[in-house]
């Protein structure tokens, strides 16, 4: 198959870029005790993998590697990782974890605002040593090193609480910065001389994605290239963020003196206050880790899965039907949506896993079996939650194809319920009322009202 112009350009660039000793050193130093995986333009290499020598970087490039990705988790020996290991066995070989926030949006200025908001919020909590880098596309990565976290809280080892505690931290930070984030984004998207189109949902475009905080999740390494943009994932300081421009990430203009450490020299335990306050906030809002209470927060806190009968693929919303045909980009987000939809409508475990397996075979390339296994295990350990609401999420993975019913619902679960009711009730008109059990509308049959016969006052009074 003939290579595209973009692929040819990137492959020619990789040979020149990764041959630089300072780039190889930056990648090698950051990869210590981390699982790494090279990407060969479209697909990833074998896992687990690691660098043994600095020269391993360029050896992989000569074999076709175009970028390098690594784990948030820090391991005693990354090569000991296996999909056959259970949760306890993984805890035994995990040294700890860095806390990574992945910011992405359709406009890089939105991402800048959020990165600045997060840095200010972390500083308020006493966390001043935060790593910051450009993602290579339209976002940024922020990192708080493992060194900054307490190694134990109330007798619980912090290293064993991945991904539960990072997810709580992510929720906490998102919740606290959202008001100011919305205000600032609104000013540049809707104010006088607005830079972009009016976008009332703008803030949602840059909220960190919870899917990224998962076991063995990989992220783009500092100074790795990005296949779609041919830009380098360069490290920045908080002062450089405001004036950052995409041309600053041109790999051919990156001088050796501009190469910085992504992992800052944190003070021991400087993120203790941040973590303890996040855990207290989670407890107050009933956002506990799965094994503790299996609760979720917000409008779906009292959600209980429904059990629909005879659900066919034709009853799924168009976005889900499109997603089920397989996708190229956004597969992890797609998996998140499918798992929560199928669990929310009461699909049996065996059928759910079969559908996920069939779906993944259609993806190009498919997700790793180990990743799907870890997401299934995580999902089964917690209470079902609603899948993401319509429009933006499914537009982001190019699956939104609304029909007439889509304009009347807000969530894929509502769509399936309506379709299922119509099939099982021979198309009779539905009557529905609010249900406190799962925070949406519950359908029920009502007997038609029979009008009462009116009786004249004369007859009631006994007058003739």
Protein backbone atom coordinates (compact mmCIF):
# COMPACT_ATOMS: atom_id res chain seq x y z
CA UNK A 1 0.00 0.00 0.00
CA UNK A 2 1.38 3.42 -1.02
CA UNK A 3 2.29 5.68 1.89
CA UNK A 4 0.44 8.97 2.26
CA UNK A 5 2.27 12.28 1.89
CA UNK A 6 1.87 12.91 5.63
CA UNK A 7 3.32 9.51 6.58
CA UNK A 8 6.25 9.93 4.19
CA UNK A 9 6.98 13.38 5.62
CA UNK A 10 6.84 12.17 9.22
CA UNK A 11 9.02 9.12 8.54
CA UNK A 12 11.66 11.25 6.84
CA UNK A 13 11.59 13.63 9.79
CA UNK A 14 11.96 10.89 12.42
CA UNK A 15 15.32 9.70 11.13
CA UNK A 16 16.79 13.18 11.38
CA UNK A 17 15.07 14.23 14.62
CA UNK A 18 15.61 11.11 16.75
CA UNK A 19 19.24 10.78 15.64
CA UNK A 20 20.05 13.75 17.90
CA UNK A 21 21.81 12.55 21.12
CA UNK A 22 20.02 15.12 23.31
CA UNK A 23 16.59 13.88 22.14
CA UNK A 24 17.54 10.25 22.77
CA UNK A 25 18.80 11.18 26.24
CA UNK A 26 15.60 13.07 27.12
CA UNK A 27 13.45 10.09 26.12
CA UNK A 28 15.69 7.55 27.84
CA UNK A 29 15.91 9.46 31.14
CA UNK A 30 12.15 9.91 31.41
CA UNK A 31 11.46 6.26 30.57
CA UNK A 32 13.24 4.82 33.64
CA UNK A 33 11.00 2.32 35.46
CA UNK A 34 8.17 3.01 33.03
CA UNK A 35 6.50 0.75 30.52
CA UNK A 36 7.11 2.17 27.05
CA UNK A 37 5.63 1.44 23.66
CA UNK A 38 6.78 2.78 20.28
CA UNK A 39 4.18 3.75 17.73
CA UNK A 40 4.71 2.86 14.09
CA UNK A 41 2.69 5.73 12.59
CA UNK A 42 -0.73 4.04 12.86
CA UNK A 43 -0.18 1.12 15.25
CA UNK A 44 1.64 0.49 18.54
CA UNK A 45 4.46 -1.97 19.13
CA UNK A 46 4.55 -4.86 21.54
CA UNK A 47 3.87 -4.42 25.24
CA UNK A 48 5.43 -4.44 27.74
CA UNK A 49 8.66 -2.89 26.53
CA UNK A 50 11.40 -0.70 28.02
CA UNK A 51 14.66 1.04 27.14
CA UNK A 52 17.82 -0.69 28.35
CA UNK A 53 20.28 1.64 26.63
CA UNK A 54 20.05 5.14 25.14
CA UNK A 55 20.77 3.66 21.71
CA UNK A 56 17.55 1.61 21.92
CA UNK A 57 15.62 4.74 20.97
CA UNK A 58 17.18 5.11 17.55
CA UNK A 59 17.22 1.36 16.94
CA UNK A 60 13.41 1.39 17.20
CA UNK A 61 13.27 4.42 14.90
CA UNK A 62 15.27 2.52 12.29
CA UNK A 63 12.63 -0.23 12.52
CA UNK A 64 9.89 2.31 11.77
CA UNK A 65 8.95 3.89 15.13
CA UNK A 66 7.55 7.41 14.71
CA UNK A 67 6.71 8.29 18.33
CA UNK A 68 7.16 6.97 21.88
CA UNK A 69 4.61 6.54 24.67
CA UNK A 70 5.00 5.55 28.31
CA UNK A 71 3.05 4.73 31.46
CA UNK A 72 1.95 6.96 34.32
CA UNK A 73 2.66 4.01 36.60
CA UNK A 74 6.20 3.39 37.83
CA UNK A 75 7.28 -0.26 38.03
CA UNK A 76 10.04 -2.26 39.69
CA UNK A 77 10.61 -3.93 36.32
CA UNK A 78 8.23 -3.01 33.48
CA UNK A 79 9.02 -6.27 31.67
CA UNK A 80 7.36 -8.21 34.52
CA UNK A 81 3.97 -6.76 33.56
CA UNK A 82 1.53 -9.22 32.04
CA UNK A 83 -2.17 -9.21 31.19
CA UNK A 84 -2.38 -12.46 33.17
CA UNK A 85 -1.55 -10.65 36.44
CA UNK A 86 -4.43 -9.83 38.74
CA UNK A 87 -4.85 -6.53 40.57
CA UNK A 88 -2.99 -7.65 43.69
CA UNK A 89 -0.05 -8.96 41.67
CA UNK A 90 0.18 -5.66 39.77
CA UNK A 91 0.18 -3.77 43.09
CA UNK A 92 3.17 -5.84 44.22
CA UNK A 93 5.35 -4.81 41.26
CA UNK A 94 4.16 -1.17 41.10
CA UNK A 95 6.45 1.33 42.85
CA UNK A 96 4.01 4.22 42.47
CA UNK A 97 2.36 6.53 39.97
CA UNK A 98 2.67 10.04 38.64
CA UNK A 99 -0.51 12.09 38.45
CA UNK A 100 -1.05 13.14 34.84
CA UNK A 101 -3.66 15.59 33.55
CA UNK A 102 -4.31 15.43 29.82
CA UNK A 103 -5.90 18.59 28.40
CA UNK A 104 -7.24 18.66 24.88
CA UNK A 105 -9.75 20.84 23.02
CA UNK A 106 -10.63 22.01 19.54
CA UNK A 107 -8.82 25.32 20.18
CA UNK A 108 -5.39 25.48 21.77
CA UNK A 109 -6.28 28.76 23.49
CA UNK A 110 -8.95 26.90 25.48
CA UNK A 111 -6.33 24.37 26.52
CA UNK A 112 -3.98 27.17 27.59
CA UNK A 113 -6.65 28.65 29.83
CA UNK A 114 -7.29 25.34 31.53
CA UNK A 115 -3.58 24.64 32.01
CA UNK A 116 -3.17 28.03 33.67
CA UNK A 117 -6.23 27.45 35.87
CA UNK A 118 -4.88 24.08 37.01
CA UNK A 119 -1.43 25.49 37.77
CA UNK A 120 -3.00 28.27 39.87
CA UNK A 121 -5.23 25.79 41.70
CA UNK A 122 -2.33 23.45 42.46
CA UNK A 123 -0.23 26.36 43.71
CA UNK A 124 -3.07 27.30 46.08
CA UNK A 125 -2.77 23.76 47.51
CA UNK A 126 0.98 24.11 47.95
CA UNK A 127 1.98 22.15 44.83
CA UNK A 128 4.46 24.45 43.10
CA UNK A 129 6.56 21.88 41.24
CA UNK A 130 4.42 20.83 38.28
CA UNK A 131 5.67 19.51 34.96
CA UNK A 132 4.11 21.02 31.83
CA UNK A 133 4.46 20.05 28.18
CA UNK A 134 2.75 20.55 24.84
CA UNK A 135 0.90 17.40 23.76
CA UNK A 136 1.95 17.75 20.12
CA UNK A 137 -1.53 18.66 18.86
CA UNK A 138 -3.95 21.09 20.55
CA UNK A 139 -3.45 20.37 24.23
CA UNK A 140 -1.07 20.09 27.15
CA UNK A 141 0.05 17.50 29.69
CA UNK A 142 0.63 18.41 33.34
CA UNK A 143 2.36 16.06 35.76
CA UNK A 144 2.78 15.86 39.53
CA UNK A 145 5.56 13.33 40.26
CA UNK A 146 5.16 10.36 42.56
CA UNK A 147 7.68 11.93 44.94
CA UNK A 148 5.17 14.67 45.81
CA UNK A 149 2.54 12.27 47.19
CA UNK A 150 2.40 10.71 50.66
CA UNK A 151 3.30 7.04 50.49
CA UNK A 152 0.52 6.08 52.90
CA UNK A 153 -2.76 7.58 54.17
CA UNK A 154 -4.53 6.04 57.16
CA UNK A 155 -2.64 2.81 56.71
CA UNK A 156 -3.49 2.55 52.99
CA UNK A 157 -0.56 2.42 50.56
CA UNK A 158 -0.90 5.17 47.96
CA UNK A 159 0.87 3.03 45.36
CA UNK A 160 -1.99 0.50 45.55
CA UNK A 161 -4.66 3.11 44.85
CA UNK A 162 -4.19 3.43 41.10
CA UNK A 163 -6.38 4.38 39.27
CA UNK A 164 -8.90 5.11 42.07
CA UNK A 165 -7.15 8.05 43.74
CA UNK A 166 -5.94 9.71 40.51
CA UNK A 167 -9.55 9.63 39.28
CA UNK A 168 -10.72 11.29 42.49
CA UNK A 169 -8.01 13.94 42.12
CA UNK A 170 -9.10 14.57 38.54
CA UNK A 171 -12.75 14.94 39.56
CA UNK A 172 -11.82 17.26 42.41
CA UNK A 173 -9.67 19.56 40.28
CA UNK A 174 -12.23 19.65 37.45
CA UNK A 175 -15.03 20.51 39.87
CA UNK A 176 -13.12 23.31 41.58
CA UNK A 177 -11.77 25.10 38.51
CA UNK A 178 -14.87 24.77 36.33
CA UNK A 179 -16.59 28.07 37.33
CA UNK A 180 -13.56 30.23 36.47
CA UNK A 181 -12.80 28.09 33.43
CA UNK A 182 -16.29 28.66 32.02
CA UNK A 183 -16.05 32.39 32.71
CA UNK A 184 -12.69 32.85 30.96
CA UNK A 185 -13.55 30.68 27.96
CA UNK A 186 -16.86 32.50 27.54
CA UNK A 187 -15.00 35.80 27.35
CA UNK A 188 -12.89 34.73 24.35
CA UNK A 189 -15.62 32.75 22.58
CA UNK A 190 -18.61 35.05 23.05
CA UNK A 191 -17.34 38.49 24.04
CA UNK A 192 -16.66 41.56 21.88
CA UNK A 193 -14.33 40.64 19.03
CA UNK A 194 -14.79 36.95 19.84
CA UNK A 195 -11.90 34.88 18.53
CA UNK A 196 -14.04 31.83 17.85
CA UNK A 197 -17.62 30.95 17.07
CA UNK A 198 -20.10 31.27 19.90
CA UNK A 199 -19.93 28.10 21.93
CA UNK A 200 -22.06 27.85 25.06
CA UNK A 201 -20.58 24.43 25.83
CA UNK A 202 -16.97 25.58 25.36
CA UNK A 203 -15.72 24.63 28.82
CA UNK A 204 -16.74 21.00 28.31
CA UNK A 205 -14.33 20.78 25.38
CA UNK A 206 -11.26 20.96 27.63
CA UNK A 207 -12.24 19.06 30.75
CA UNK A 208 -9.69 16.26 31.31
CA UNK A 209 -10.94 12.88 30.15
CA UNK A 210 -11.49 10.37 32.95
CA UNK A 211 -10.84 7.52 30.53
CA UNK A 212 -7.16 8.49 30.46
CA UNK A 213 -6.72 7.57 34.13
CA UNK A 214 -6.73 3.81 33.74
CA UNK A 215 -4.43 0.87 34.45
CA UNK A 216 -1.43 0.76 32.09
CA UNK A 217 -2.53 3.91 30.28
CA UNK A 218 0.19 5.33 28.03
CA UNK A 219 0.77 8.97 27.13
CA UNK A 220 3.09 10.66 24.64
CA UNK A 221 6.60 11.02 26.05
CA UNK A 222 8.27 14.45 26.31
CA UNK A 223 10.02 15.33 23.04
CA UNK A 224 8.27 12.57 21.13
CA UNK A 225 6.89 13.58 17.73
CA UNK A 226 3.18 13.67 16.94
CA UNK A 227 2.18 11.80 13.77
CA UNK A 228 -0.71 14.08 12.79
CA UNK A 229 1.05 17.42 13.24
CA UNK A 230 4.76 16.52 12.89
CA UNK A 231 5.34 18.71 15.97
CA UNK A 232 7.39 17.79 19.05
CA UNK A 233 5.89 17.34 22.51
CA UNK A 234 8.13 20.00 24.03
CA UNK A 235 8.45 20.82 27.73
CA UNK A 236 7.46 24.33 28.85
CA UNK A 237 7.60 26.47 31.97
CA UNK A 238 4.48 28.11 33.40
CA UNK A 239 5.89 31.47 32.23
CA UNK A 240 6.31 30.20 28.64
CA UNK A 241 2.75 28.86 28.46
CA UNK A 242 0.97 32.16 27.80
CA UNK A 243 3.16 33.08 24.80
CA UNK A 244 3.42 29.54 23.44
CA UNK A 245 2.80 29.19 19.72
CA UNK A 246 2.65 26.01 17.63
CA UNK A 247 5.74 27.06 15.68
CA UNK A 248 7.68 26.83 18.97
CA UNK A 249 7.23 23.04 18.73
CA UNK A 250 8.86 22.75 15.31
CA UNK A 251 11.28 19.83 15.86
CA UNK A 252 13.82 21.28 13.43
CA UNK A 253 14.06 24.52 15.42
CA UNK A 254 14.45 22.87 18.81
CA UNK A 255 17.90 23.74 20.13
CA UNK A 256 19.67 21.59 22.79
CA UNK A 257 19.55 24.36 25.42
CA UNK A 258 15.73 24.45 25.18
CA UNK A 259 15.38 20.82 26.27
CA UNK A 260 14.10 20.69 29.87
CA UNK A 261 13.13 18.01 32.36
CA UNK A 262 9.41 17.17 32.29
CA UNK A 263 9.58 15.77 35.83
CA UNK A 264 10.19 18.65 38.24
CA UNK A 265 12.23 18.28 41.42
CA UNK A 266 9.27 18.05 43.79
CA UNK A 267 9.48 18.37 47.53
CA UNK A 268 8.79 15.13 49.36
CA UNK A 269 5.06 14.99 50.13
CA UNK A 270 4.19 18.45 48.78
CA UNK A 271 0.94 17.10 47.29
CA UNK A 272 -0.25 15.62 50.61
CA UNK A 273 -2.74 18.42 51.27
CA UNK A 274 -4.09 18.20 47.72
CA UNK A 275 -4.68 14.46 47.95
CA UNK A 276 -6.22 14.48 51.45
CA UNK A 277 -8.58 17.33 50.56
CA UNK A 278 -9.60 15.54 47.35
CA UNK A 279 -10.37 12.37 49.33
CA UNK A 280 -12.38 14.36 51.90
CA UNK A 281 -14.28 16.08 49.09
CA UNK A 282 -15.01 12.73 47.47
CA UNK A 283 -16.31 11.31 50.74
CA UNK A 284 -18.59 14.29 51.33
CA UNK A 285 -19.95 14.01 47.80
CA UNK A 286 -20.22 10.22 47.92
CA UNK A 287 -17.55 9.75 45.26
CA UNK A 288 -15.75 6.83 46.82
CA UNK A 289 -13.38 4.35 45.29
CA UNK A 290 -15.24 1.31 43.90
CA UNK A 291 -14.23 -1.22 46.50
CA UNK A 292 -15.30 1.08 49.33
CA UNK A 293 -18.83 2.10 48.49
CA UNK A 294 -19.57 1.75 44.77
CA UNK A 295 -21.22 5.18 44.60
CA UNK A 296 -21.14 7.86 41.96
CA UNK A 297 -21.79 11.54 42.28
CA UNK A 298 -23.97 14.15 40.69
CA UNK A 299 -27.34 13.82 39.01
CA UNK A 300 -26.97 10.03 38.59
CA UNK A 301 -26.03 9.32 42.22
CA UNK A 302 -29.18 7.21 42.67
CA UNK A 303 -28.93 5.53 39.30
CA UNK A 304 -30.10 1.93 39.13
CA UNK A 305 -29.65 -0.06 35.98
CA UNK A 306 -32.77 -0.90 34.04
CA UNK A 307 -33.45 -4.28 32.56
CA UNK A 308 -34.98 -4.03 29.11
CA UNK A 309 -36.28 -7.05 27.25
CA UNK A 310 -35.45 -8.07 23.69
CA UNK A 311 -33.08 -5.21 22.95
CA UNK A 312 -31.89 -5.43 19.34
CA UNK A 313 -29.18 -3.46 17.58
CA UNK A 314 -31.94 -1.60 15.71
CA UNK A 315 -33.03 -0.07 19.03
CA UNK A 316 -29.62 1.49 19.64
CA UNK A 317 -29.19 5.20 18.75
CA UNK A 318 -27.51 6.01 15.41
CA UNK A 319 -24.29 7.14 17.12
CA UNK A 320 -23.92 3.78 18.88
CA UNK A 321 -24.77 1.84 15.72
CA UNK A 322 -22.10 3.83 13.88
CA UNK A 323 -19.62 3.25 16.72
CA UNK A 324 -20.32 -0.49 16.65
CA UNK A 325 -19.09 -0.60 13.04
CA UNK A 326 -15.56 0.15 14.29
CA UNK A 327 -13.60 3.42 14.41
CA UNK A 328 -10.05 4.66 13.86
CA UNK A 329 -9.74 7.49 16.41
CA UNK A 330 -11.28 7.72 19.89
CA UNK A 331 -11.50 3.97 20.54
CA UNK A 332 -10.94 4.34 24.29
CA UNK A 333 -13.72 6.90 24.54
CA UNK A 334 -15.89 4.61 22.42
CA UNK A 335 -15.25 1.70 24.78
CA UNK A 336 -16.18 3.91 27.74
CA UNK A 337 -19.53 4.79 26.10
CA UNK A 338 -20.36 1.20 25.13
CA UNK A 339 -19.55 -0.26 28.55
CA UNK A 340 -21.71 2.26 30.39
CA UNK A 341 -24.61 2.02 27.93
CA UNK A 342 -24.70 -1.79 27.93
CA UNK A 343 -24.43 -1.97 31.72
CA UNK A 344 -27.06 0.75 32.19
CA UNK A 345 -29.69 -1.16 30.18
CA UNK A 346 -29.01 -4.36 32.10
CA UNK A 347 -27.17 -6.37 29.43
CA UNK A 348 -25.90 -9.70 30.71
CA UNK A 349 -22.16 -9.91 31.31
CA UNK A 350 -21.57 -12.70 28.80
CA UNK A 351 -23.41 -10.88 26.00
CA UNK A 352 -21.73 -7.56 26.88
CA UNK A 353 -18.23 -9.04 26.60
CA UNK A 354 -19.15 -10.76 23.33
CA UNK A 355 -20.37 -7.48 21.83
CA UNK A 356 -17.25 -5.62 22.97
CA UNK A 357 -15.03 -8.32 21.47
CA UNK A 358 -16.90 -8.21 18.13
CA UNK A 359 -16.73 -4.39 18.11
CA UNK A 360 -12.98 -4.32 18.80
CA UNK A 361 -12.26 -6.64 15.86
CA UNK A 362 -13.76 -3.98 13.56
CA UNK A 363 -11.52 -1.20 14.90
CA UNK A 364 -8.47 -0.12 12.91
CA UNK A 365 -6.26 -0.90 14.71
CA UNK A 366 -8.07 -2.76 17.53
CA UNK A 367 -7.47 -1.93 21.16
CA UNK A 368 -5.12 -4.22 23.06
CA UNK A 369 -6.92 -7.11 24.77
CA UNK A 370 -5.19 -6.25 28.03
CA UNK A 371 -6.61 -2.72 27.98
CA UNK A 372 -10.16 -3.99 27.35
CA UNK A 373 -9.76 -6.55 30.12
CA UNK A 374 -8.69 -3.88 32.61
CA UNK A 375 -11.62 -1.62 31.65
CA UNK A 376 -14.10 -4.48 32.04
CA UNK A 377 -12.69 -5.31 35.47
CA UNK A 378 -12.87 -1.66 36.51
CA UNK A 379 -16.46 -1.36 35.27
CA UNK A 380 -17.66 -4.50 37.07
CA UNK A 381 -16.19 -3.29 40.36
CA UNK A 382 -18.38 -0.19 40.39
CA UNK A 383 -22.01 0.78 40.16
CA UNK A 384 -23.34 1.35 36.59
CA UNK A 385 -23.28 4.96 35.44
CA UNK A 386 -24.96 6.61 32.48
CA UNK A 387 -22.93 6.87 29.25
CA UNK A 388 -21.93 10.39 28.15
CA UNK A 389 -24.75 12.65 26.98
CA UNK A 390 -25.39 13.21 23.30
CA UNK A 391 -23.82 15.49 20.71
CA UNK A 392 -20.34 16.73 21.75
CA UNK A 393 -18.94 13.41 23.00
CA UNK A 394 -20.10 11.44 19.95
CA UNK A 395 -19.21 14.24 17.55
CA UNK A 396 -15.69 14.00 18.98
CA UNK A 397 -15.38 10.40 17.78
CA UNK A 398 -17.16 11.11 14.47
CA UNK A 399 -20.21 8.95 15.29
CA UNK A 400 -23.00 11.52 15.72
CA UNK A 401 -25.67 10.91 13.06
CA UNK A 402 -28.92 12.15 14.67
CA UNK A 403 -32.36 11.03 13.55
CA UNK A 404 -35.75 12.49 14.49
CA UNK A 405 -35.85 10.77 17.88
CA UNK A 406 -32.42 12.12 18.82
CA UNK A 407 -33.86 15.63 19.09
CA UNK A 408 -36.14 14.45 21.91
CA UNK A 409 -33.56 12.73 24.13
CA UNK A 410 -30.38 13.73 25.96
CA UNK A 411 -28.69 10.38 26.53
CA UNK A 412 -28.37 7.11 24.56
CA UNK A 413 -30.12 5.26 27.41
CA UNK A 414 -33.25 7.36 26.86
CA UNK A 415 -33.17 6.49 23.15
CA UNK A 416 -32.98 2.73 23.81
CA UNK A 417 -35.80 2.94 26.36
CA UNK A 418 -38.15 4.67 23.94
CA UNK A 419 -37.38 2.30 21.08
CA UNK A 420 -37.68 -0.74 23.34
CA UNK A 421 -40.99 0.43 24.77
CA UNK A 422 -42.41 0.97 21.29
CA UNK A 423 -41.43 -2.57 20.19
CA UNK A 424 -42.68 -4.31 23.33
CA UNK A 425 -45.91 -2.35 23.49
CA UNK A 426 -46.96 -2.62 19.85
CA UNK A 427 -46.31 1.03 19.17
CA UNK A 428 -48.93 2.36 21.60
CA UNK A 429 -48.31 5.97 22.69
CA UNK A 430 -46.14 6.20 25.76
CA UNK A 431 -46.91 7.92 29.00
CA UNK A 432 -44.04 8.52 31.31
CA UNK A 433 -43.29 10.12 34.61
CA UNK A 434 -40.18 11.08 36.52
CA UNK A 435 -38.44 8.18 38.18
CA UNK A 436 -36.20 8.77 41.17
CA UNK A 437 -34.56 5.40 40.70
CA UNK A 438 -32.22 6.34 37.85
CA UNK A 439 -32.67 10.02 37.15
CA UNK A 440 -34.45 9.78 33.81
CA UNK A 441 -37.94 9.10 32.47
CA UNK A 442 -39.59 5.80 33.15
CA UNK A 443 -42.25 4.54 30.81
CA UNK A 444 -45.43 2.92 31.98
CA UNK A 445 -48.77 1.98 30.49
CA UNK A 446 -51.84 3.88 31.53
CA UNK A 447 -55.42 2.80 31.08
CA UNK A 448 -57.37 5.27 28.96
CA UNK A 449 -59.57 7.54 31.00
CA UNK A 450 -63.30 6.98 30.56
CA UNK A 451 -65.22 10.25 30.80
CA UNK A 452 -67.80 10.31 33.58
CA UNK A 453 -71.44 10.85 32.70
CA UNK A 454 -72.67 14.24 33.77
CA UNK A 455 -75.78 14.29 35.90
CA UNK A 456 -78.02 17.34 35.92
CA UNK A 457 -78.62 19.23 39.14
CA UNK A 458 -82.37 18.72 38.70
CA UNK A 459 -82.00 14.98 38.91
CA UNK A 460 -79.72 15.21 41.93
CA UNK A 461 -82.23 17.40 43.75
CA UNK A 462 -85.10 15.10 42.97
CA UNK A 463 -86.97 17.82 41.11
CA UNK A 464 -88.99 16.90 38.06
